[in-house]
Structure formats: structure tokens, C-alpha cells
């Protein structure tokens, strides 16, 4: 029996009054062609809003979203969520794969499971897919992180994985950087420009600010 929280595999909604981050969105757009894209910034910097704004332009069936939590330090839980969002891409082997998962989602057999999983997806589709793993920094178990590395290595080029994290990840990603398959967007790209900051101040307060007052606030 599945124990999947549906809210964790649902793309978050973007507020209508969000500040448009043109430079950041251009950076994400360029990075989206890579196999792996990492968005690293502290809480409240707008990682989720930025990637969701970008994804709004994509067809819903091309977007797979998973909000991770500390329970995902279990192989069974972590891969249950990943596999759940790819259900429609498993085709005729869906039932067979489910049984295989129950028997092989363990430390000894996880590599075989991942290979079967990836091959099943490839046989069913070659359409562009975006898999977003939100709060990936909460996954610290070395067995789980190693299985994710194996998954990323085996994925075809039409599947793009976006990792949202508050901290530097304990993942080996150098192999993707060497092959020009990695985009890394750190916190410096999430800082508001002066124009964005002005728009934010005007939009989030009722007061009509004079240009000199806004300039003074920006210099604090």
C-alpha cells in the first residue's frame, strides 16, 4: 500500500503579485538545458518561486515535483516518491515494476532497481521531462545520496533534474561539470537588483515612497 502525501508531489502555486526576476529567470532558462541544475540559497531567497515561475511555461505532464523531507533518508520512502511521479511514464511494465520495487528497494539491490527504472522510462518516452527535488539538503543518508548519484548518471539527456537546496550538497557532481551537464546557481544570483528591490518595497507597503527614501533604504 502506498504511503504518499499528495501535497508533496504537487507543483506549488506562484503568487500573482510576485516580483519579476528577469536576470534570475534568464539564468534558469539557460541552465534548464543541462542534465542537472542546482539552485542553492538560504530560506526565503525565492528558489521555489523562481523555478515555479520558469516551469509555468512548461506542459504539466513534463513537470515532476517532489518536496522532500527527513523521512526521505530511507531508501524506501525516497524512491517511493520519485517513482510515484513517473507512474505515467512506466507504460505496460507499471505493475511488474511495482513488484520489482518491493523486492529490490534495499541497499544490496538498489543499483538494479535504478537501472530497471531508468530503462523503463526510456522505453516509454523520449519527451523532455523536468524532475524537481525540493529541499534535497534534508536527504543526508549516504546510501540514499549514492543511489541518487547513480540515478543521475544513468538518466538520458531529455530528463533534466533540478535540485533545490539551502546548503552545499554531499553529492558527487563533478562528473557532470566536466561533461558540461551541470548548471549551478548559487545565492549571489538570488540577490535583488536595485530595481527589483524598489518594486518589492512599493508592492509590499501601503506608503508611497519618495525616490530619495527608497534610495536611502537600499543603502542601509
N, C-alpha and C. Protein backbone atom coordinates (compact mmCIF):
# COMPACT_ATOMS: atom_id res chain seq x y z
N UNK A 1 0.85 -1.20 0.00
CA UNK A 1 0.00 0.00 0.00
C UNK A 1 0.88 1.25 0.00
N UNK A 2 0.53 2.20 -0.86
CA UNK A 2 1.33 3.41 -0.96
C UNK A 2 1.08 4.33 0.22
N UNK A 3 2.14 5.00 0.63
CA UNK A 3 2.01 5.98 1.71
C UNK A 3 2.61 7.29 1.21
N UNK A 4 1.95 7.86 0.22
CA UNK A 4 2.43 9.06 -0.46
C UNK A 4 1.56 10.25 -0.08
N UNK A 5 2.20 11.33 0.40
CA UNK A 5 1.48 12.56 0.69
C UNK A 5 1.34 13.35 -0.61
N UNK A 6 0.13 13.45 -1.13
CA UNK A 6 -0.07 14.05 -2.46
C UNK A 6 0.41 15.49 -2.54
N UNK A 7 0.35 16.22 -1.42
CA UNK A 7 0.78 17.62 -1.45
C UNK A 7 2.28 17.73 -1.75
N UNK A 8 3.04 16.68 -1.47
CA UNK A 8 4.48 16.71 -1.69
C UNK A 8 4.86 16.42 -3.14
N UNK A 9 3.91 16.03 -3.95
CA UNK A 9 4.21 15.80 -5.37
C UNK A 9 3.39 16.74 -6.26
N UNK A 10 3.01 17.85 -5.67
CA UNK A 10 2.22 18.85 -6.38
C UNK A 10 3.04 20.13 -6.54
N UNK A 11 3.06 20.66 -7.76
CA UNK A 11 3.80 21.90 -8.02
C UNK A 11 3.20 23.05 -7.23
N UNK A 12 3.99 23.74 -6.40
CA UNK A 12 3.45 24.87 -5.62
C UNK A 12 2.93 25.98 -6.54
N UNK A 13 1.93 26.69 -6.09
CA UNK A 13 1.39 27.80 -6.86
C UNK A 13 2.24 29.05 -6.64
N UNK A 14 2.35 29.85 -7.68
CA UNK A 14 3.11 31.10 -7.60
C UNK A 14 2.14 32.25 -7.35
N UNK A 15 2.46 33.07 -6.37
CA UNK A 15 1.61 34.24 -6.08
C UNK A 15 1.57 35.18 -7.27
N UNK A 16 0.43 35.79 -7.47
CA UNK A 16 0.26 36.69 -8.61
C UNK A 16 1.08 37.97 -8.48
N UNK A 17 1.32 38.41 -7.23
CA UNK A 17 2.00 39.69 -7.03
C UNK A 17 3.51 39.52 -6.86
N UNK A 18 4.04 38.39 -7.30
CA UNK A 18 5.47 38.14 -7.14
C UNK A 18 6.28 39.11 -8.02
N UNK A 19 7.44 39.50 -7.51
CA UNK A 19 8.32 40.40 -8.28
C UNK A 19 8.97 39.62 -9.41
N UNK A 20 8.94 40.17 -10.60
CA UNK A 20 9.56 39.50 -11.75
C UNK A 20 11.08 39.58 -11.64
N UNK A 21 11.72 38.43 -11.66
CA UNK A 21 13.18 38.34 -11.53
C UNK A 21 13.78 38.00 -12.89
N UNK A 22 13.88 38.99 -13.77
CA UNK A 22 14.25 38.72 -15.17
C UNK A 22 15.64 38.10 -15.31
N UNK A 23 16.63 38.65 -14.61
CA UNK A 23 18.00 38.14 -14.74
C UNK A 23 18.10 36.72 -14.20
N UNK A 24 17.47 36.47 -13.07
CA UNK A 24 17.49 35.13 -12.47
C UNK A 24 16.77 34.13 -13.38
N UNK A 25 15.65 34.52 -13.94
CA UNK A 25 14.91 33.61 -14.82
C UNK A 25 15.69 33.31 -16.09
N UNK A 26 16.44 34.29 -16.59
CA UNK A 26 17.29 34.03 -17.76
C UNK A 26 18.37 33.01 -17.42
N UNK A 27 18.92 33.13 -16.21
CA UNK A 27 19.94 32.19 -15.76
C UNK A 27 19.35 30.78 -15.66
N UNK A 28 18.16 30.66 -15.11
CA UNK A 28 17.49 29.37 -15.00
C UNK A 28 17.16 28.81 -16.39
N UNK A 29 16.70 29.67 -17.27
CA UNK A 29 16.37 29.25 -18.63
C UNK A 29 17.60 28.63 -19.32
N UNK A 30 18.75 29.29 -19.17
CA UNK A 30 19.98 28.77 -19.78
C UNK A 30 20.37 27.44 -19.12
N UNK A 31 20.23 27.37 -17.81
CA UNK A 31 20.63 26.16 -17.10
C UNK A 31 19.70 24.98 -17.32
N UNK A 32 18.50 25.26 -17.77
CA UNK A 32 17.49 24.19 -17.88
C UNK A 32 17.82 23.17 -18.97
N UNK A 33 18.76 23.48 -19.83
CA UNK A 33 19.13 22.52 -20.88
C UNK A 33 20.12 21.47 -20.36
N UNK A 34 20.67 21.68 -19.19
CA UNK A 34 21.64 20.75 -18.61
C UNK A 34 20.92 19.55 -18.00
N UNK A 35 21.67 18.47 -17.82
CA UNK A 35 21.09 17.30 -17.17
C UNK A 35 20.77 17.59 -15.71
N UNK A 36 21.66 18.33 -15.02
CA UNK A 36 21.48 18.66 -13.61
C UNK A 36 21.61 20.16 -13.41
N UNK A 37 20.67 20.75 -12.69
CA UNK A 37 20.75 22.16 -12.31
C UNK A 37 20.53 22.26 -10.81
N UNK A 38 21.44 22.94 -10.12
CA UNK A 38 21.34 23.13 -8.68
C UNK A 38 21.02 24.59 -8.40
N UNK A 39 20.00 24.82 -7.57
CA UNK A 39 19.68 26.16 -7.05
C UNK A 39 19.98 26.14 -5.57
N UNK A 40 21.07 26.82 -5.17
CA UNK A 40 21.49 26.81 -3.78
C UNK A 40 21.36 28.21 -3.18
N UNK A 41 20.51 28.36 -2.19
CA UNK A 41 20.34 29.63 -1.48
C UNK A 41 19.57 29.36 -0.20
N UNK A 42 19.77 30.24 0.77
CA UNK A 42 19.11 30.08 2.06
C UNK A 42 17.59 30.23 1.96
N UNK A 43 16.93 29.93 3.06
CA UNK A 43 15.47 30.04 3.11
C UNK A 43 15.03 31.47 2.83
N UNK A 44 13.95 31.63 2.08
CA UNK A 44 13.39 32.95 1.83
C UNK A 44 14.02 33.70 0.68
N UNK A 45 14.95 33.09 -0.04
CA UNK A 45 15.60 33.76 -1.16
C UNK A 45 14.85 33.62 -2.48
N UNK A 46 13.83 32.78 -2.50
CA UNK A 46 12.99 32.70 -3.70
C UNK A 46 13.32 31.57 -4.66
N UNK A 47 13.97 30.51 -4.17
CA UNK A 47 14.29 29.37 -5.05
C UNK A 47 13.02 28.75 -5.65
N UNK A 48 12.07 28.45 -4.75
CA UNK A 48 10.85 27.78 -5.19
C UNK A 48 10.05 28.67 -6.13
N UNK A 49 9.92 29.94 -5.78
CA UNK A 49 9.17 30.87 -6.63
C UNK A 49 9.81 30.99 -8.00
N UNK A 50 11.13 31.08 -8.04
CA UNK A 50 11.84 31.26 -9.31
C UNK A 50 11.66 30.05 -10.22
N UNK A 51 11.87 28.85 -9.66
CA UNK A 51 11.77 27.66 -10.52
C UNK A 51 10.32 27.41 -10.93
N UNK A 52 9.37 27.70 -10.05
CA UNK A 52 7.95 27.52 -10.41
C UNK A 52 7.52 28.52 -11.48
N UNK A 53 8.05 29.72 -11.42
CA UNK A 53 7.76 30.72 -12.47
C UNK A 53 8.26 30.23 -13.82
N UNK A 54 9.45 29.66 -13.83
CA UNK A 54 10.01 29.10 -15.06
C UNK A 54 9.16 27.93 -15.56
N UNK A 55 8.75 27.06 -14.64
CA UNK A 55 8.03 25.85 -15.02
C UNK A 55 6.61 26.12 -15.51
N UNK A 56 6.06 27.29 -15.19
CA UNK A 56 4.71 27.63 -15.64
C UNK A 56 4.61 27.59 -17.16
N UNK A 57 5.74 27.78 -17.84
CA UNK A 57 5.74 27.80 -19.31
C UNK A 57 5.79 26.39 -19.88
N UNK A 58 5.98 25.39 -19.02
CA UNK A 58 6.09 24.01 -19.48
C UNK A 58 4.74 23.29 -19.36
N UNK A 59 4.51 22.30 -20.21
CA UNK A 59 3.29 21.49 -20.11
C UNK A 59 3.31 20.72 -18.79
N UNK A 60 2.19 20.65 -18.10
CA UNK A 60 2.14 19.97 -16.79
C UNK A 60 2.70 18.55 -16.80
N UNK A 61 2.46 17.82 -17.90
CA UNK A 61 2.94 16.43 -17.96
C UNK A 61 4.46 16.33 -18.05
N UNK A 62 5.11 17.46 -18.33
CA UNK A 62 6.57 17.45 -18.43
C UNK A 62 7.24 17.77 -17.09
N UNK A 63 6.44 18.10 -16.08
CA UNK A 63 7.00 18.53 -14.79
C UNK A 63 6.69 17.51 -13.71
N UNK A 64 7.73 17.04 -13.03
CA UNK A 64 7.60 16.10 -11.91
C UNK A 64 8.18 16.79 -10.67
N UNK A 65 7.35 17.01 -9.68
CA UNK A 65 7.77 17.75 -8.49
C UNK A 65 7.73 16.84 -7.25
N UNK A 66 8.81 16.87 -6.47
CA UNK A 66 8.83 16.15 -5.19
C UNK A 66 9.39 17.07 -4.11
N UNK A 67 8.59 17.33 -3.08
CA UNK A 67 9.06 18.05 -1.90
C UNK A 67 9.58 17.02 -0.90
N UNK A 68 10.86 17.03 -0.67
CA UNK A 68 11.48 16.03 0.21
C UNK A 68 11.40 16.44 1.67
N UNK A 69 11.57 15.47 2.55
CA UNK A 69 11.57 15.71 3.99
C UNK A 69 12.56 14.74 4.63
N UNK A 70 12.73 14.83 5.93
CA UNK A 70 13.72 13.98 6.59
C UNK A 70 13.39 12.48 6.48
N UNK A 71 12.10 12.16 6.27
CA UNK A 71 11.75 10.74 6.11
C UNK A 71 12.34 10.14 4.84
N UNK A 72 12.80 11.00 3.93
CA UNK A 72 13.39 10.53 2.68
C UNK A 72 14.83 10.06 2.85
N UNK A 73 15.31 10.03 4.09
CA UNK A 73 16.59 9.40 4.37
C UNK A 73 16.46 7.88 4.40
N UNK A 74 15.30 7.40 4.07
CA UNK A 74 15.02 5.97 3.89
C UNK A 74 14.95 5.70 2.39
N UNK A 75 15.65 4.66 1.94
CA UNK A 75 15.59 4.29 0.52
C UNK A 75 14.16 4.07 0.07
N UNK A 76 13.39 3.37 0.88
CA UNK A 76 12.02 3.02 0.53
C UNK A 76 11.17 4.28 0.33
N UNK A 77 11.29 5.22 1.23
CA UNK A 77 10.48 6.44 1.15
C UNK A 77 10.95 7.32 -0.01
N UNK A 78 12.25 7.55 -0.10
CA UNK A 78 12.80 8.41 -1.15
C UNK A 78 12.38 7.92 -2.53
N UNK A 79 12.61 6.64 -2.81
CA UNK A 79 12.32 6.13 -4.15
C UNK A 79 10.83 5.93 -4.38
N UNK A 80 10.06 5.76 -3.33
CA UNK A 80 8.60 5.70 -3.50
C UNK A 80 8.08 6.99 -4.10
N UNK A 81 8.60 8.12 -3.64
CA UNK A 81 8.16 9.42 -4.16
C UNK A 81 8.65 9.64 -5.59
N UNK A 82 9.92 9.31 -5.86
CA UNK A 82 10.45 9.50 -7.21
C UNK A 82 9.66 8.66 -8.22
N UNK A 83 9.45 7.41 -7.86
CA UNK A 83 8.76 6.50 -8.77
C UNK A 83 7.28 6.89 -8.94
N UNK A 84 6.68 7.39 -7.88
CA UNK A 84 5.28 7.82 -7.96
C UNK A 84 5.07 8.88 -9.02
N UNK A 85 5.95 9.87 -9.11
CA UNK A 85 5.75 10.96 -10.06
C UNK A 85 6.02 10.51 -11.51
N UNK A 86 6.65 9.34 -11.67
CA UNK A 86 6.92 8.82 -13.02
C UNK A 86 5.96 7.69 -13.40
N UNK A 87 4.89 7.49 -12.64
CA UNK A 87 3.98 6.39 -12.90
C UNK A 87 3.49 6.36 -14.34
N UNK A 88 3.11 7.52 -14.86
CA UNK A 88 2.55 7.55 -16.22
C UNK A 88 3.60 7.30 -17.29
N UNK A 89 4.88 7.29 -16.90
CA UNK A 89 5.96 7.06 -17.86
C UNK A 89 6.49 5.63 -17.81
N UNK A 90 5.83 4.76 -17.05
CA UNK A 90 6.28 3.37 -16.94
C UNK A 90 5.53 2.43 -17.88
N UNK A 91 4.49 2.93 -18.52
CA UNK A 91 3.78 2.15 -19.54
C UNK A 91 3.26 0.82 -19.04
N UNK A 92 3.44 -0.21 -19.87
CA UNK A 92 2.88 -1.54 -19.59
C UNK A 92 3.59 -2.26 -18.45
N UNK A 93 4.79 -1.80 -18.07
CA UNK A 93 5.54 -2.51 -17.01
C UNK A 93 5.21 -1.97 -15.63
N UNK A 94 4.22 -1.11 -15.53
CA UNK A 94 3.91 -0.44 -14.26
C UNK A 94 3.70 -1.44 -13.12
N UNK A 95 2.85 -2.44 -13.35
CA UNK A 95 2.56 -3.42 -12.31
C UNK A 95 3.79 -4.29 -12.02
N UNK A 96 4.43 -4.74 -13.07
CA UNK A 96 5.63 -5.56 -12.92
C UNK A 96 6.72 -4.80 -12.17
N UNK A 97 6.85 -3.52 -12.50
CA UNK A 97 7.87 -2.71 -11.84
C UNK A 97 7.55 -2.53 -10.36
N UNK A 98 6.27 -2.36 -10.03
CA UNK A 98 5.86 -2.19 -8.64
C UNK A 98 6.29 -3.39 -7.80
N UNK A 99 6.13 -4.58 -8.35
CA UNK A 99 6.53 -5.80 -7.64
C UNK A 99 8.05 -5.87 -7.51
N UNK A 100 8.73 -5.47 -8.58
CA UNK A 100 10.20 -5.47 -8.57
C UNK A 100 10.71 -4.50 -7.51
N UNK A 101 10.04 -3.36 -7.40
CA UNK A 101 10.42 -2.34 -6.41
C UNK A 101 10.34 -2.90 -4.99
N UNK A 102 9.28 -3.60 -4.70
CA UNK A 102 9.09 -4.15 -3.36
C UNK A 102 10.21 -5.12 -2.98
N UNK A 103 10.75 -5.81 -3.98
CA UNK A 103 11.77 -6.82 -3.72
C UNK A 103 13.20 -6.29 -3.79
N UNK A 104 13.40 -5.13 -4.39
CA UNK A 104 14.78 -4.68 -4.64
C UNK A 104 15.12 -3.32 -4.04
N UNK A 105 14.16 -2.67 -3.36
CA UNK A 105 14.48 -1.35 -2.79
C UNK A 105 15.19 -1.55 -1.45
N UNK A 106 16.44 -1.97 -1.56
CA UNK A 106 17.29 -2.16 -0.39
C UNK A 106 18.74 -1.88 -0.79
N UNK A 107 19.59 -1.78 0.17
CA UNK A 107 20.98 -1.40 -0.07
C UNK A 107 21.68 -2.32 -1.06
N UNK A 108 21.37 -3.60 -1.00
CA UNK A 108 22.05 -4.59 -1.84
C UNK A 108 21.58 -4.54 -3.29
N UNK A 109 20.32 -4.18 -3.53
CA UNK A 109 19.73 -4.30 -4.87
C UNK A 109 19.37 -2.97 -5.52
N UNK A 110 19.64 -1.86 -4.84
CA UNK A 110 19.17 -0.57 -5.33
C UNK A 110 19.71 -0.22 -6.72
N UNK A 111 20.96 -0.61 -7.01
CA UNK A 111 21.51 -0.30 -8.34
C UNK A 111 20.72 -0.98 -9.45
N UNK A 112 20.29 -2.22 -9.20
CA UNK A 112 19.47 -2.95 -10.19
C UNK A 112 18.11 -2.28 -10.36
N UNK A 113 17.55 -1.83 -9.26
CA UNK A 113 16.26 -1.14 -9.31
C UNK A 113 16.36 0.12 -10.15
N UNK A 114 17.40 0.91 -9.93
CA UNK A 114 17.56 2.18 -10.65
C UNK A 114 17.73 1.93 -12.14
N UNK A 115 18.53 0.93 -12.50
CA UNK A 115 18.74 0.61 -13.92
C UNK A 115 17.43 0.20 -14.59
N UNK A 116 16.67 -0.65 -13.93
CA UNK A 116 15.37 -1.08 -14.46
C UNK A 116 14.42 0.11 -14.58
N UNK A 117 14.41 0.97 -13.58
CA UNK A 117 13.56 2.16 -13.57
C UNK A 117 13.87 3.07 -14.74
N UNK A 118 15.14 3.41 -14.90
CA UNK A 118 15.54 4.32 -15.98
C UNK A 118 15.25 3.70 -17.35
N UNK A 119 15.57 2.43 -17.52
CA UNK A 119 15.31 1.76 -18.81
C UNK A 119 13.81 1.72 -19.13
N UNK A 120 13.00 1.55 -18.11
CA UNK A 120 11.54 1.53 -18.32
C UNK A 120 11.04 2.88 -18.80
N UNK A 121 11.58 3.95 -18.25
CA UNK A 121 11.19 5.30 -18.67
C UNK A 121 11.62 5.54 -20.12
N UNK A 122 12.85 5.16 -20.44
CA UNK A 122 13.39 5.38 -21.78
C UNK A 122 12.58 4.63 -22.83
N UNK A 123 12.12 3.43 -22.50
CA UNK A 123 11.33 2.64 -23.45
C UNK A 123 9.96 3.26 -23.71
N UNK A 124 9.48 4.03 -22.75
CA UNK A 124 8.13 4.58 -22.85
C UNK A 124 8.10 5.97 -23.50
N UNK A 125 9.15 6.76 -23.32
CA UNK A 125 9.12 8.15 -23.81
C UNK A 125 10.51 8.67 -24.13
N UNK A 126 10.55 9.66 -25.00
CA UNK A 126 11.79 10.42 -25.22
C UNK A 126 11.49 11.92 -25.19
N UNK A 127 10.36 12.25 -24.55
CA UNK A 127 9.94 13.64 -24.41
C UNK A 127 10.67 14.31 -23.24
N UNK A 128 10.91 15.60 -23.36
CA UNK A 128 11.59 16.37 -22.32
C UNK A 128 10.80 16.32 -21.01
N UNK A 129 11.51 16.05 -19.91
CA UNK A 129 10.90 15.97 -18.58
C UNK A 129 11.78 16.74 -17.60
N UNK A 130 11.13 17.46 -16.67
CA UNK A 130 11.84 18.15 -15.60
C UNK A 130 11.44 17.52 -14.27
N UNK A 131 12.43 17.01 -13.56
CA UNK A 131 12.21 16.46 -12.21
C UNK A 131 12.81 17.43 -11.20
N UNK A 132 11.97 17.97 -10.32
CA UNK A 132 12.44 18.93 -9.32
C UNK A 132 12.42 18.26 -7.95
N UNK A 133 13.57 18.26 -7.29
CA UNK A 133 13.68 17.72 -5.94
C UNK A 133 13.90 18.89 -4.99
N UNK A 134 12.83 19.28 -4.33
CA UNK A 134 12.86 20.45 -3.43
C UNK A 134 13.35 20.03 -2.05
N UNK A 135 14.16 20.89 -1.44
CA UNK A 135 14.73 20.62 -0.10
C UNK A 135 15.59 19.36 -0.09
N UNK A 136 16.37 19.17 -1.14
CA UNK A 136 17.22 17.99 -1.25
C UNK A 136 18.28 17.95 -0.13
N UNK A 137 18.57 19.11 0.48
CA UNK A 137 19.56 19.14 1.57
C UNK A 137 19.11 18.33 2.79
N UNK A 138 17.82 18.03 2.87
CA UNK A 138 17.31 17.24 4.00
C UNK A 138 17.67 15.76 3.88
N UNK A 139 18.11 15.37 2.69
CA UNK A 139 18.50 13.98 2.46
C UNK A 139 20.00 13.87 2.66
N UNK A 140 20.40 13.23 3.75
CA UNK A 140 21.81 13.15 4.11
C UNK A 140 22.34 11.73 4.22
N UNK A 141 21.45 10.76 4.23
CA UNK A 141 21.88 9.37 4.36
C UNK A 141 22.77 8.99 3.17
N UNK A 142 23.98 8.49 3.42
CA UNK A 142 24.92 8.19 2.32
C UNK A 142 24.42 7.14 1.33
N UNK A 143 23.64 6.20 1.81
CA UNK A 143 23.10 5.18 0.90
C UNK A 143 22.09 5.81 -0.07
N UNK A 144 21.26 6.68 0.46
CA UNK A 144 20.27 7.35 -0.38
C UNK A 144 20.94 8.31 -1.36
N UNK A 145 21.89 9.11 -0.88
CA UNK A 145 22.56 10.07 -1.77
C UNK A 145 23.35 9.34 -2.85
N UNK A 146 23.96 8.21 -2.50
CA UNK A 146 24.68 7.43 -3.53
C UNK A 146 23.71 6.90 -4.58
N UNK A 147 22.53 6.46 -4.15
CA UNK A 147 21.55 5.96 -5.12
C UNK A 147 21.09 7.08 -6.05
N UNK A 148 20.98 8.29 -5.52
CA UNK A 148 20.62 9.44 -6.36
C UNK A 148 21.72 9.73 -7.38
N UNK A 149 22.97 9.63 -6.96
CA UNK A 149 24.09 9.82 -7.89
C UNK A 149 24.04 8.82 -9.03
N UNK A 150 23.72 7.56 -8.71
CA UNK A 150 23.60 6.52 -9.73
C UNK A 150 22.46 6.83 -10.69
N UNK A 151 21.37 7.31 -10.15
CA UNK A 151 20.20 7.68 -10.96
C UNK A 151 20.55 8.81 -11.93
N UNK A 152 21.19 9.86 -11.42
CA UNK A 152 21.57 10.99 -12.26
C UNK A 152 22.52 10.57 -13.37
N UNK A 153 23.44 9.68 -13.04
CA UNK A 153 24.42 9.21 -14.03
C UNK A 153 23.74 8.46 -15.17
N UNK A 154 22.72 7.69 -14.86
CA UNK A 154 22.08 6.85 -15.88
C UNK A 154 20.99 7.55 -16.68
N UNK A 155 20.54 8.69 -16.22
CA UNK A 155 19.44 9.37 -16.89
C UNK A 155 19.79 9.80 -18.31
N UNK A 156 18.83 9.72 -19.22
CA UNK A 156 19.06 10.22 -20.59
C UNK A 156 19.05 11.75 -20.60
N UNK A 157 19.52 12.32 -21.67
CA UNK A 157 19.68 13.79 -21.76
C UNK A 157 18.35 14.53 -21.78
N UNK A 158 17.25 13.84 -22.11
CA UNK A 158 15.96 14.54 -22.18
C UNK A 158 15.29 14.69 -20.81
N UNK A 159 15.87 14.10 -19.77
CA UNK A 159 15.37 14.29 -18.41
C UNK A 159 16.30 15.23 -17.67
N UNK A 160 15.77 16.34 -17.22
CA UNK A 160 16.55 17.37 -16.51
C UNK A 160 16.15 17.35 -15.03
N UNK A 161 17.13 17.26 -14.17
CA UNK A 161 16.87 17.21 -12.73
C UNK A 161 17.29 18.53 -12.10
N UNK A 162 16.37 19.14 -11.36
CA UNK A 162 16.64 20.41 -10.67
C UNK A 162 16.66 20.14 -9.17
N UNK A 163 17.76 20.48 -8.53
CA UNK A 163 17.94 20.26 -7.10
C UNK A 163 17.87 21.59 -6.37
N UNK A 164 16.89 21.74 -5.47
CA UNK A 164 16.74 22.96 -4.68
C UNK A 164 17.28 22.70 -3.27
N UNK A 165 18.26 23.50 -2.86
CA UNK A 165 18.92 23.23 -1.58
C UNK A 165 19.29 24.53 -0.87
N UNK A 166 19.35 24.45 0.46
CA UNK A 166 19.81 25.59 1.26
C UNK A 166 21.32 25.56 1.46
N UNK A 167 21.91 24.39 1.28
CA UNK A 167 23.32 24.22 1.58
C UNK A 167 24.02 23.46 0.46
N UNK A 168 25.36 23.47 0.50
CA UNK A 168 26.14 22.67 -0.43
C UNK A 168 25.82 21.19 -0.20
N UNK A 169 25.62 20.47 -1.28
CA UNK A 169 25.15 19.09 -1.18
C UNK A 169 26.29 18.08 -1.08
N UNK A 170 26.05 16.99 -0.36
CA UNK A 170 27.05 15.91 -0.27
C UNK A 170 26.96 14.96 -1.46
N UNK A 171 26.81 15.54 -2.65
CA UNK A 171 26.69 14.74 -3.87
C UNK A 171 27.92 14.94 -4.74
N UNK A 172 28.31 13.88 -5.42
CA UNK A 172 29.43 13.97 -6.35
C UNK A 172 28.87 14.43 -7.70
N UNK A 173 29.08 15.71 -8.02
CA UNK A 173 28.53 16.28 -9.24
C UNK A 173 29.61 16.71 -10.24
N UNK A 174 30.87 16.52 -9.88
CA UNK A 174 31.97 16.95 -10.74
C UNK A 174 31.91 16.29 -12.11
N UNK A 175 31.45 15.05 -12.15
CA UNK A 175 31.38 14.33 -13.42
C UNK A 175 30.47 15.06 -14.41
N UNK A 176 29.42 15.70 -13.91
CA UNK A 176 28.50 16.43 -14.79
C UNK A 176 29.10 17.77 -15.21
N UNK A 177 29.85 18.38 -14.31
CA UNK A 177 30.52 19.63 -14.64
C UNK A 177 31.55 19.42 -15.73
N UNK A 178 32.31 18.33 -15.63
CA UNK A 178 33.33 18.00 -16.63
C UNK A 178 32.71 17.83 -18.01
N UNK A 179 31.53 17.22 -18.05
CA UNK A 179 30.85 16.95 -19.33
C UNK A 179 29.91 18.09 -19.74
N UNK A 180 30.00 19.22 -19.02
CA UNK A 180 29.15 20.39 -19.30
C UNK A 180 27.66 20.04 -19.21
N UNK A 181 27.34 19.23 -18.20
CA UNK A 181 25.95 18.83 -17.97
C UNK A 181 25.42 19.38 -16.66
N UNK A 182 26.12 20.36 -16.07
CA UNK A 182 25.74 20.91 -14.76
C UNK A 182 25.61 22.43 -14.82
N UNK A 183 24.52 22.94 -14.26
CA UNK A 183 24.35 24.39 -14.05
C UNK A 183 24.20 24.59 -12.55
N UNK A 184 25.00 25.49 -11.99
CA UNK A 184 24.97 25.72 -10.54
C UNK A 184 24.66 27.20 -10.31
N UNK A 185 23.51 27.47 -9.71
CA UNK A 185 23.08 28.84 -9.45
C UNK A 185 23.09 29.05 -7.94
N UNK A 186 24.07 29.82 -7.46
CA UNK A 186 24.21 29.99 -6.01
C UNK A 186 23.48 31.24 -5.52
N UNK A 187 23.62 31.51 -4.23
CA UNK A 187 22.81 32.56 -3.60
C UNK A 187 23.07 33.95 -4.18
N UNK A 188 24.25 34.19 -4.71
CA UNK A 188 24.56 35.51 -5.25
C UNK A 188 23.61 35.90 -6.38
N UNK A 189 23.07 34.92 -7.09
CA UNK A 189 22.16 35.21 -8.20
C UNK A 189 20.73 35.49 -7.72
N UNK A 190 20.47 35.24 -6.43
CA UNK A 190 19.13 35.45 -5.89
C UNK A 190 18.98 36.82 -5.23
N UNK A 191 20.08 37.56 -5.09
CA UNK A 191 20.01 38.90 -4.50
C UNK A 191 19.21 39.82 -5.40
N UNK A 192 18.34 40.63 -4.81
CA UNK A 192 17.53 41.56 -5.59
C UNK A 192 18.39 42.66 -6.17
N UNK A 193 18.14 43.00 -7.43
CA UNK A 193 18.76 44.19 -8.01
C UNK A 193 18.08 45.42 -7.41
N UNK A 194 18.64 46.60 -7.61
CA UNK A 194 18.02 47.81 -7.08
C UNK A 194 16.60 47.99 -7.62
N UNK A 195 16.41 47.72 -8.89
CA UNK A 195 15.09 47.87 -9.49
C UNK A 195 14.09 46.89 -8.89
N UNK A 196 14.54 45.64 -8.67
CA UNK A 196 13.68 44.63 -8.08
C UNK A 196 13.36 44.98 -6.62
N UNK A 197 14.35 45.51 -5.92
CA UNK A 197 14.15 45.90 -4.52
C UNK A 197 13.15 47.05 -4.43
N UNK A 198 13.25 48.01 -5.33
CA UNK A 198 12.30 49.13 -5.36
C UNK A 198 10.89 48.62 -5.59
N UNK A 199 10.75 47.72 -6.55
CA UNK A 199 9.42 47.16 -6.85
C UNK A 199 8.88 46.41 -5.65
N UNK A 200 9.75 45.68 -4.94
CA UNK A 200 9.33 44.92 -3.77
C UNK A 200 8.85 45.86 -2.66
N UNK A 201 9.59 46.94 -2.41
CA UNK A 201 9.23 47.90 -1.35
C UNK A 201 7.88 48.56 -1.66
N UNK A 202 7.71 48.98 -2.90
CA UNK A 202 6.47 49.66 -3.28
C UNK A 202 5.27 48.71 -3.19
N UNK A 203 5.51 47.44 -3.54
CA UNK A 203 4.41 46.49 -3.61
C UNK A 203 4.00 45.95 -2.24
N UNK A 204 4.93 45.91 -1.30
CA UNK A 204 4.64 45.28 -0.01
C UNK A 204 4.32 46.29 1.09
N UNK A 205 4.30 47.57 0.77
CA UNK A 205 3.92 48.59 1.76
C UNK A 205 2.84 49.48 1.18
N UNK A 206 2.03 50.06 2.04
CA UNK A 206 0.95 50.94 1.58
C UNK A 206 1.43 52.35 1.29
N UNK A 207 2.55 52.70 1.88
CA UNK A 207 3.04 54.07 1.76
C UNK A 207 3.61 54.33 0.36
N UNK A 208 3.41 55.57 -0.11
CA UNK A 208 4.03 56.00 -1.36
C UNK A 208 5.41 56.58 -1.03
N UNK A 209 6.42 55.85 -1.41
CA UNK A 209 7.79 56.25 -1.07
C UNK A 209 8.36 57.21 -2.10
N UNK A 210 9.06 58.22 -1.62
CA UNK A 210 9.80 59.11 -2.50
C UNK A 210 11.07 58.40 -2.97
N UNK A 211 11.55 58.69 -4.19
CA UNK A 211 12.77 58.06 -4.69
C UNK A 211 13.95 58.19 -3.71
N UNK A 212 14.04 59.34 -3.05
CA UNK A 212 15.16 59.55 -2.11
C UNK A 212 15.05 58.62 -0.91
N UNK A 213 13.80 58.33 -0.47
CA UNK A 213 13.60 57.44 0.67
C UNK A 213 13.96 56.00 0.31
N UNK A 214 13.57 55.59 -0.89
CA UNK A 214 13.90 54.24 -1.34
C UNK A 214 15.41 54.09 -1.48
N UNK A 215 16.04 55.12 -2.04
CA UNK A 215 17.50 55.08 -2.21
C UNK A 215 18.19 54.94 -0.86
N UNK A 216 17.69 55.63 0.14
CA UNK A 216 18.28 55.56 1.47
C UNK A 216 18.13 54.15 2.07
N UNK A 217 16.96 53.53 1.87
CA UNK A 217 16.76 52.18 2.37
C UNK A 217 17.68 51.18 1.70
N UNK A 218 17.90 51.34 0.40
CA UNK A 218 18.75 50.42 -0.34
C UNK A 218 20.21 50.53 0.08
N UNK A 219 20.57 51.65 0.64
CA UNK A 219 21.96 51.86 1.05
C UNK A 219 22.24 51.40 2.47
N UNK A 220 21.19 50.99 3.19
CA UNK A 220 21.37 50.54 4.58
C UNK A 220 22.15 49.22 4.61
